[in-house]
Protein backbone atom coordinates (compact mmCIF):
# COMPACT_ATOMS: atom_id res chain seq x y z
CA MET A 1 -33.59 -10.34 25.72
CA ILE A 2 -34.57 -13.73 27.12
CA LEU A 3 -37.70 -13.12 29.23
CA HIS A 4 -37.35 -16.38 31.16
CA PRO A 5 -36.41 -15.58 34.80
CA CYS A 6 -34.72 -18.92 35.36
CA PHE A 7 -32.47 -18.60 32.29
CA ASN A 8 -31.90 -14.89 32.69
CA GLU A 9 -31.26 -13.55 36.21
CA LYS A 10 -31.61 -9.89 34.98
CA VAL A 11 -35.35 -10.29 34.45
CA LYS A 12 -36.25 -12.20 37.63
CA GLY A 13 -37.74 -9.03 39.13
CA GLN A 14 -39.86 -8.21 36.11
CA CYS A 15 -40.84 -11.53 34.51
CA GLY A 16 -42.73 -14.34 36.32
CA ARG A 17 -43.49 -17.99 35.78
CA VAL A 18 -46.37 -20.33 36.45
CA HIS A 19 -46.04 -24.05 36.73
CA LEU A 20 -49.04 -26.13 35.66
CA PRO A 21 -49.21 -29.36 37.82
CA VAL A 22 -50.57 -31.78 35.22
CA ALA A 23 -48.03 -34.60 35.45
CA PRO A 24 -48.36 -36.65 38.72
CA LYS A 25 -46.76 -40.00 37.58
CA CYS A 26 -42.98 -40.53 37.54
CA ASN A 27 -40.87 -43.11 35.76
CA ILE A 28 -37.84 -43.20 38.01
CA LYS A 29 -37.41 -43.37 41.73
CA CYS A 30 -34.83 -41.04 43.15
CA ASN A 31 -33.55 -41.85 46.65
CA TYR A 32 -33.96 -38.21 47.76
CA CYS A 33 -37.70 -38.18 46.84
CA ASP A 34 -40.58 -39.60 48.83
CA ARG A 35 -43.20 -39.11 46.05
CA LYS A 36 -45.67 -37.60 48.53
CA TYR A 37 -46.48 -34.72 46.21
CA ASP A 38 -49.72 -33.58 47.83
CA CYS A 39 -48.31 -30.86 50.13
CA VAL A 40 -49.13 -27.24 50.85
CA ASN A 41 -46.31 -26.45 53.38
CA GLU A 42 -43.06 -27.27 51.68
CA SER A 43 -41.28 -25.18 49.03
CA ARG A 44 -39.40 -27.59 46.83
CA PRO A 45 -39.68 -29.37 43.49
CA GLY A 46 -42.06 -32.32 43.37
CA VAL A 47 -44.88 -31.01 45.50
CA THR A 48 -48.21 -29.40 44.70
CA SER A 49 -51.47 -28.87 46.44
CA THR A 50 -53.57 -30.05 43.41
CA VAL A 51 -53.16 -31.88 40.12
CA LEU A 52 -55.00 -30.44 37.08
CA SER A 53 -56.18 -31.83 33.80
CA PRO A 54 -54.99 -30.00 30.66
CA TYR A 55 -58.24 -28.12 30.25
CA GLN A 56 -58.27 -27.25 33.95
CA ALA A 57 -54.74 -26.04 33.66
CA VAL A 58 -55.61 -23.66 30.86
CA ALA A 59 -58.58 -22.31 32.76
CA TYR A 60 -56.29 -21.73 35.78
CA LEU A 61 -53.73 -20.06 33.58
CA LYS A 62 -56.29 -17.59 32.30
CA LYS A 63 -57.20 -16.58 35.84
CA VAL A 64 -53.51 -16.27 36.82
CA LEU A 65 -52.75 -13.98 33.88
CA GLU A 66 -55.68 -11.77 34.78
CA LYS A 67 -54.22 -11.13 38.22
CA GLU A 68 -50.52 -11.38 37.41
CA PRO A 69 -49.74 -10.01 33.93
CA ARG A 70 -46.01 -10.16 34.49
CA ILE A 71 -46.10 -13.91 33.87
CA THR A 72 -43.98 -14.55 30.77
CA VAL A 73 -43.36 -18.29 31.19
CA VAL A 74 -45.52 -21.33 31.51
CA GLY A 75 -43.77 -24.47 32.64
CA ILE A 76 -44.56 -28.11 33.40
CA ALA A 77 -42.37 -29.52 36.18
CA GLY A 78 -44.38 -32.29 37.72
CA PRO A 79 -45.15 -33.12 40.41
CA GLY A 80 -43.91 -36.30 38.64
CA ASP A 81 -42.18 -36.20 35.28
CA PRO A 82 -43.82 -34.61 32.21
CA PHE A 83 -43.00 -37.57 30.04
CA ALA A 84 -44.29 -40.19 32.43
CA ASN A 85 -47.49 -38.33 31.59
CA PRO A 86 -46.88 -37.52 27.90
CA VAL A 87 -50.56 -37.29 26.81
CA GLU A 88 -51.42 -34.72 29.54
CA THR A 89 -48.15 -32.81 29.00
CA MET A 90 -48.39 -32.47 25.23
CA GLU A 91 -52.14 -31.62 25.33
CA THR A 92 -51.44 -28.89 27.93
CA LEU A 93 -48.71 -27.38 25.86
CA ARG A 94 -50.84 -27.40 22.73
CA LEU A 95 -53.79 -25.83 24.50
CA VAL A 96 -51.62 -23.12 26.12
CA LYS A 97 -49.90 -22.25 22.85
CA LYS A 98 -53.27 -22.01 21.09
CA GLU A 99 -54.67 -19.64 23.79
CA PHE A 100 -51.48 -17.71 24.43
CA PRO A 101 -49.22 -17.88 21.40
CA ASP A 102 -46.60 -15.38 22.69
CA ILE A 103 -45.97 -16.99 25.98
CA ILE A 104 -42.76 -18.92 26.66
CA LEU A 105 -43.08 -22.63 27.12
CA CYS A 106 -40.69 -24.72 29.16
CA LEU A 107 -40.34 -28.16 30.75
CA ALA A 108 -38.34 -29.75 33.49
CA THR A 109 -37.79 -33.52 33.12
CA ASN A 110 -35.48 -36.34 34.06
CA GLY A 111 -34.91 -36.95 30.39
CA LEU A 112 -35.80 -40.64 30.28
CA ASN A 113 -38.78 -40.42 27.92
CA ILE A 114 -38.55 -36.97 26.33
CA GLY A 115 -36.77 -38.18 23.24
CA PRO A 116 -39.74 -39.30 21.07
CA TYR A 117 -41.44 -35.92 21.68
CA VAL A 118 -38.61 -33.44 20.93
CA GLU A 119 -39.68 -32.76 17.27
CA GLU A 120 -43.28 -32.11 18.38
CA LEU A 121 -42.13 -29.94 21.23
CA LYS A 122 -40.23 -27.82 18.69
CA ASP A 123 -43.31 -27.66 16.48
CA ILE A 124 -45.50 -26.56 19.41
CA GLY A 125 -43.00 -23.84 20.34
CA VAL A 126 -41.24 -25.10 23.48
CA THR A 127 -38.00 -23.08 23.75
CA HIS A 128 -36.50 -24.02 27.08
CA VAL A 129 -35.97 -27.51 28.66
CA THR A 130 -34.30 -28.47 31.95
CA ILE A 131 -32.97 -31.98 32.42
CA THR A 132 -31.89 -33.17 35.89
CA ILE A 133 -28.60 -35.15 35.50
CA ASN A 134 -27.06 -36.18 38.88
CA ALA A 135 -24.27 -38.44 37.49
CA VAL A 136 -22.42 -39.42 34.31
CA ASP A 137 -20.95 -42.45 36.03
CA PRO A 138 -23.54 -45.31 36.24
CA LYS A 139 -21.90 -46.57 39.46
CA ILE A 140 -22.78 -43.27 41.10
CA GLY A 141 -26.11 -43.09 39.43
CA SER A 142 -27.05 -46.54 40.80
CA LYS A 143 -26.70 -45.12 44.29
CA ILE A 144 -29.09 -42.25 43.43
CA TYR A 145 -31.84 -44.12 41.66
CA SER A 146 -33.75 -47.04 43.16
CA TRP A 147 -35.31 -47.96 39.80
CA VAL A 148 -35.91 -46.68 36.34
CA ARG A 149 -39.07 -47.79 34.46
CA ASP A 150 -39.07 -47.87 30.67
CA GLY A 151 -42.55 -48.76 29.54
CA LYS A 152 -43.53 -51.78 31.51
CA VAL A 153 -39.91 -52.91 32.24
CA VAL A 154 -38.30 -51.83 35.54
CA TYR A 155 -34.45 -51.59 35.69
CA ARG A 156 -32.49 -51.42 38.88
CA GLY A 157 -28.85 -50.79 39.83
CA ILE A 158 -26.26 -50.19 37.12
CA LYS A 159 -28.62 -51.14 34.30
CA GLY A 160 -31.17 -48.58 35.35
CA ALA A 161 -28.49 -45.84 35.69
CA GLU A 162 -27.02 -46.75 32.30
CA LEU A 163 -30.39 -46.60 30.61
CA LEU A 164 -31.28 -43.20 32.16
CA LEU A 165 -27.92 -41.69 31.26
CA ARG A 166 -28.06 -42.92 27.71
CA ARG A 167 -31.52 -41.47 27.22
CA GLN A 168 -30.49 -38.18 28.86
CA LYS A 169 -27.57 -37.76 26.46
CA GLU A 170 -29.72 -38.66 23.43
CA ALA A 171 -32.32 -36.15 24.60
CA ILE A 172 -29.85 -33.29 24.97
CA LYS A 173 -28.49 -33.93 21.45
CA LYS A 174 -32.03 -33.98 19.96
CA LEU A 175 -32.98 -30.80 21.85
CA LYS A 176 -29.92 -28.92 20.76
CA ASP A 177 -30.37 -30.05 17.17
CA CYS A 178 -33.86 -28.49 17.33
CA GLY A 179 -32.40 -25.25 18.68
CA ILE A 180 -34.00 -25.59 22.10
CA THR A 181 -32.21 -24.04 25.06
CA VAL A 182 -31.06 -26.61 27.62
CA LYS A 183 -30.32 -26.24 31.32
CA THR A 184 -28.96 -29.03 33.42
CA ASN A 185 -30.04 -29.36 37.09
CA TYR A 186 -27.52 -31.14 39.31
CA ILE A 187 -28.75 -32.21 42.76
CA VAL A 188 -25.79 -32.11 45.16
CA ILE A 189 -26.02 -35.12 47.54
CA PRO A 190 -23.44 -35.21 50.34
CA GLY A 191 -21.26 -38.23 50.21
CA ILE A 192 -22.89 -39.50 47.02
CA ASN A 193 -22.14 -37.13 44.13
CA ASP A 194 -20.69 -33.96 45.71
CA HIS A 195 -17.21 -34.92 44.34
CA HIS A 196 -18.66 -35.63 40.85
CA VAL A 197 -19.68 -32.14 39.70
CA ALA A 198 -16.66 -31.45 37.47
CA ASP A 199 -17.21 -34.68 35.51
CA VAL A 200 -20.87 -33.87 34.93
CA ALA A 201 -20.33 -30.19 34.03
CA ARG A 202 -17.46 -31.09 31.66
CA GLU A 203 -19.60 -33.67 29.83
CA MET A 204 -22.61 -31.37 29.67
CA LYS A 205 -20.49 -28.67 28.07
CA GLY A 206 -19.49 -31.21 25.45
CA TYR A 207 -23.11 -31.83 24.63
CA GLY A 208 -23.85 -28.11 24.22
CA VAL A 209 -25.82 -27.48 27.40
CA ASP A 210 -26.39 -23.75 27.90
CA LEU A 211 -26.71 -23.38 31.66
CA PHE A 212 -25.84 -25.44 34.76
CA ASN A 213 -27.83 -25.34 38.01
CA CYS A 214 -26.34 -26.93 41.13
CA MET A 215 -29.20 -27.49 43.64
CA ALA A 216 -28.78 -28.52 47.26
CA MET A 217 -30.55 -31.78 48.05
CA PHE A 218 -33.63 -31.25 50.19
CA PRO A 219 -33.81 -34.00 52.86
CA ASN A 220 -37.23 -35.70 52.85
CA PRO A 221 -38.00 -37.80 55.90
CA GLY A 222 -38.85 -41.28 54.96
CA ALA A 223 -36.82 -41.20 51.68
CA PRO A 224 -33.65 -43.37 51.51
CA PHE A 225 -31.56 -40.17 51.64
CA GLY A 226 -33.84 -38.57 54.17
CA THR A 227 -31.19 -38.63 56.99
CA LEU A 228 -28.40 -37.02 54.92
CA PRO A 229 -27.64 -33.39 55.73
CA GLN A 230 -28.61 -30.58 53.42
CA PRO A 231 -25.39 -29.18 51.77
CA SER A 232 -24.26 -25.94 53.42
CA LYS A 233 -23.95 -22.62 51.65
CA ASP A 234 -20.16 -22.92 51.68
CA GLU A 235 -20.38 -26.37 50.16
CA MET A 236 -22.69 -25.12 47.38
CA ASP A 237 -20.43 -22.21 46.71
CA ARG A 238 -17.52 -24.65 46.33
CA VAL A 239 -19.45 -26.93 44.00
CA ARG A 240 -20.67 -24.08 41.83
CA ALA A 241 -17.20 -22.64 41.54
CA ILE A 242 -15.99 -25.98 40.11
CA ALA A 243 -18.99 -26.27 37.71
CA GLU A 244 -18.39 -22.70 36.59
CA GLU A 245 -15.11 -23.61 35.03
CA TYR A 246 -17.15 -25.46 32.37
CA LEU A 247 -20.54 -23.81 32.16
CA PRO A 248 -22.47 -20.67 33.21
CA GLN A 249 -24.14 -21.11 36.62
CA MET A 250 -27.70 -20.43 37.65
CA ARG A 251 -27.23 -19.00 41.18
CA HIS A 252 -30.73 -17.67 41.77
CA CYS A 253 -32.77 -20.89 41.80
CA THR A 254 -35.58 -20.90 44.36
CA ARG A 255 -36.30 -24.66 44.11
CA CYS A 256 -39.85 -24.00 42.76
CA ARG A 257 -42.82 -26.18 43.52
CA ALA A 258 -44.73 -27.96 40.82
CA ASP A 259 -47.52 -25.39 41.22
CA ALA A 260 -45.35 -22.22 41.69
CA VAL A 261 -46.62 -18.93 40.45
CA GLY A 262 -45.35 -15.36 40.51
CA LEU A 263 -41.91 -13.77 40.36
CA LEU A 264 -38.94 -15.72 41.62
CA GLU A 265 -38.33 -13.10 44.31
CA ALA A 266 -42.06 -12.38 44.94
CA ASP A 267 -43.77 -15.81 44.89
CA ARG A 268 -47.56 -15.91 44.97
CA THR A 269 -48.19 -19.62 45.16
CA ASP A 270 -49.98 -19.42 48.51
CA GLU A 271 -52.19 -16.57 47.21
CA PHE A 272 -53.30 -18.56 44.13
CA ARG A 273 -53.92 -21.78 46.03
CA GLY A 274 -57.66 -21.23 46.29
CA CYS A 275 -57.82 -20.46 42.54
CA LEU A 276 -55.87 -23.66 41.80
CA SER A 277 -58.23 -25.67 43.94
CA ALA A 278 -61.32 -24.13 42.34
CA CYS A 279 -60.02 -24.90 38.83
CA SER A 280 -59.43 -28.56 39.85
CA LYS A 281 -63.21 -28.88 40.27
CA LEU A 282 -63.95 -27.72 36.73
CA SER A 283 -64.85 -30.18 33.92
CA ILE A 284 -61.73 -32.18 33.29
CA ASP A 285 -62.15 -32.43 29.51
CA GLY A 286 -63.51 -29.07 28.43
CA SER A 287 -66.79 -30.77 27.61
CA LYS A 288 -68.70 -27.49 27.36
CA ASP A 289 -66.77 -26.77 24.18
CA ARG A 290 -67.35 -30.25 22.70
CA LYS A 291 -70.64 -30.46 20.84
CA TYR A 292 -70.14 -33.18 18.28
CA VAL A 293 -69.78 -36.93 17.86
CA ALA A 294 -67.20 -38.59 15.60
CA VAL A 295 -68.24 -41.76 13.83
CA ALA A 296 -66.18 -44.56 12.15
CA THR A 297 -68.32 -45.72 9.24
CA ARG A 298 -67.83 -47.24 5.82
CA GLU A 299 -70.91 -45.91 4.03
CA GLY A 300 -72.41 -43.28 6.36
CA ILE A 301 -75.29 -45.39 7.70
CA LEU A 302 -73.77 -47.87 10.18
CA VAL A 303 -71.10 -47.77 12.86
CA ASN A 304 -69.12 -50.59 11.33
CA GLN A 305 -65.41 -49.69 11.26
CA HIS A 306 -62.54 -50.24 13.66
CA LEU A 307 -60.73 -47.05 14.51
CA GLY A 308 -57.39 -48.43 13.31
CA GLU A 309 -58.90 -49.03 9.86
CA ALA A 310 -60.69 -45.72 9.47
CA THR A 311 -59.09 -43.34 7.01
CA SER A 312 -61.74 -40.71 7.82
CA LEU A 313 -64.34 -39.94 10.43
CA GLU A 314 -67.76 -38.41 10.08
CA ILE A 315 -68.55 -35.54 12.50
CA TRP A 316 -72.21 -35.35 13.59
CA GLY A 317 -74.13 -32.83 15.56
CA LYS A 318 -77.68 -32.18 16.75
CA SER A 319 -79.98 -30.17 14.54
CA GLY A 320 -83.48 -29.41 15.67
CA ASP A 321 -85.18 -32.73 16.40
CA GLY A 322 -82.68 -34.67 14.35
CA PHE A 323 -78.99 -34.98 13.54
CA LYS A 324 -76.79 -33.31 10.98
CA LEU A 325 -73.55 -34.44 9.31
CA ILE A 326 -71.19 -31.51 9.97
CA CYS A 327 -68.15 -32.72 7.99
CA LYS A 328 -65.69 -35.51 7.29
CA ARG A 329 -62.15 -35.47 8.64
CA GLU A 330 -59.24 -37.61 7.51
CA THR A 331 -57.49 -39.47 10.22
CA PRO A 332 -53.69 -39.37 10.61
CA PRO A 333 -51.91 -42.13 8.62
CA PRO A 334 -50.68 -45.20 10.39
CA GLY A 335 -46.96 -45.88 11.09
CA THR A 336 -46.28 -43.18 13.62
CA GLY A 337 -47.18 -45.08 16.78
CA ILE A 338 -48.67 -43.18 19.65
CA ARG A 339 -48.32 -39.88 17.74
CA ARG A 340 -51.15 -41.04 15.40
CA TRP A 341 -53.64 -41.03 18.26
CA VAL A 342 -52.34 -37.87 19.81
CA LYS A 343 -52.85 -36.10 16.49
CA LEU A 344 -56.28 -37.68 16.17
CA SER A 345 -57.24 -36.24 19.54
CA GLN A 346 -56.28 -32.84 18.23
CA LEU A 347 -58.42 -33.27 15.10
CA LEU A 348 -61.41 -34.22 17.31
CA PHE A 349 -61.03 -31.12 19.52
CA ASP A 350 -64.70 -30.35 19.26
CA CYS A 351 -65.99 -33.90 19.75
CA LYS A 352 -67.10 -35.39 23.08
CA TYR A 353 -67.77 -38.96 21.85
CA LEU A 354 -66.39 -41.33 19.18
CA LEU A 355 -68.53 -44.19 17.92
CA VAL A 356 -66.50 -47.17 16.58
CA SER A 357 -66.92 -50.87 16.06
CA GLY A 358 -63.57 -51.48 17.79
CA ILE A 359 -60.65 -49.61 19.27
CA GLY A 360 -57.27 -50.52 20.76
CA GLU A 361 -56.23 -49.80 24.34
CA ASN A 362 -53.61 -47.18 23.44
CA PRO A 363 -55.89 -44.94 21.36
CA ARG A 364 -58.63 -45.40 23.94
CA GLN A 365 -56.49 -44.10 26.73
CA ILE A 366 -55.12 -41.15 24.72
CA LEU A 367 -58.54 -40.09 23.50
CA GLU A 368 -60.12 -40.42 26.94
CA LYS A 369 -57.41 -38.29 28.53
CA SER A 370 -57.98 -35.69 25.86
CA GLY A 371 -61.69 -35.50 26.72
CA ILE A 372 -63.06 -37.77 24.03
CA ARG A 373 -65.08 -40.86 25.11
CA PRO A 374 -64.90 -43.81 22.67
CA ILE A 375 -67.97 -46.02 22.54
CA GLU A 376 -67.89 -49.44 20.84
CA MET A 377 -71.04 -50.48 19.07
CA SER A 378 -72.54 -52.21 15.99
CA GLY A 379 -75.66 -50.63 14.60
CA PHE A 380 -77.13 -47.52 13.00
CA ILE A 381 -75.33 -44.27 13.41
CA GLU A 382 -78.67 -42.69 14.30
CA GLU A 383 -79.14 -45.16 17.17
CA GLY A 384 -75.95 -44.12 18.71
CA LEU A 385 -76.52 -40.45 18.20
CA ASP A 386 -80.03 -40.74 19.72
CA ALA A 387 -78.62 -42.35 22.89
CA ILE A 388 -76.02 -39.68 23.19
CA PHE A 389 -78.03 -36.53 22.38
CA ASN A 390 -81.50 -37.52 23.59
CA ASP A 391 -81.33 -40.31 26.15
CA GLY A 392 -78.26 -38.99 27.83
CA ASN A 393 -77.86 -42.56 29.19
CA ILE A 394 -74.69 -44.07 27.71
CA ASN A 395 -74.75 -46.99 30.10
CA ALA A 396 -78.16 -48.06 28.89
CA PHE A 397 -76.93 -47.63 25.33
CA LYS A 398 -74.02 -49.96 26.09
CA LYS A 399 -76.39 -52.56 27.56
CA ARG A 400 -78.47 -52.54 24.40
CA LYS A 401 -75.32 -53.06 22.39
CA LYS A 402 -74.27 -56.04 24.47
CA ALA A 403 -77.65 -57.63 24.34
CA CYS A 404 -77.79 -57.25 20.59
CA CYS A 405 -74.35 -58.63 19.88
CA SER A 406 -74.55 -61.48 22.35
CA GLY A 407 -77.82 -62.86 21.05
CA GLY A 408 -78.24 -61.29 17.58
CA MET A 409 -81.93 -60.74 18.10
CA GLY A 410 -82.10 -57.05 19.05
CA ARG A 411 -84.63 -54.68 17.61
CA LYS A 412 -82.53 -54.22 14.50
CA GLY A 413 -80.39 -57.33 14.77
CA CYS A 414 -76.53 -57.41 14.84
CA LEU A 415 -75.51 -55.11 12.02
């Protein structure tokens, strides 16, 4: 039996879910959304009272499970899009699976940027994914989306809608090829796409979607569609009846918040709000569990290697009054793009700092978001370790580095 209350209505009274709000950024602008996600009063997708880091999210999850053992599902549904925040999303999923290997993992996304991560999602153990698809006609889609951002490029109008739809279709195919259960959310927008449901449901059936969820648009004052009326119950019944000719319908959706927790019919989000807030004040990177320093070195004496060139890293720790080489770890091979650095962040799970002679911006951002602080320097390994473990003053350490490299006449010279 499927113990996911959103995908199996029969268990909604016995099995609960918790949404971990770790993904604040979004890569599309829907005209029914105002992006003001910091909210405690509304019950709808896209809002939360707090955003957590991956480590804070796991700490929060532990407290939730202590008080609500009926939770069977952990989901990430915003308040933005999980894959506009891929580093935080993937790290959260990995940490959750490590701590709670039997829990069900799910995601809700617009589908624009999930494609490159599908294989890894399968490997981690994600079994359920929801993709919101509001149109399969780009002309209709162009009325729904103000813009679509792919990397640093922003697309508007038909081009944006075409790109989004193409990525959504590619994502569904990849997900189904990996054996992942897929639900489509369809936001019913009066006068915009309420006549389009048959086309969408028919096409989703062709792609192998498992479940279809028609959701009434929630009017948000200030959003472009903020003055449109919310579809009535009769209208939603009509739309669902049409969609049901093609796919099974989810009729028990409660339009969950990005920080929802509890059973669908016995929500406890308000009750856990204080716990959520308290966890947001914890260390963002799990630094209490990070005791070591990784070093990029050619011979084990100097910090003299760029991260991109390092085939292995030395792992150092404090031992009495000195320092001890704990081990050496091979770095992931080049050629896999951003995944190389995500995997490296996993390998350095117990390291708080990384000493390198140079580092690119992408690996820097990924490592920092995973709780690892890269420090660029040229000099003896022991000098860097001494500053980290004994001085505790990284800023002073950086100043010594700059003075040395700019003038070449530091205490040990530029090495």
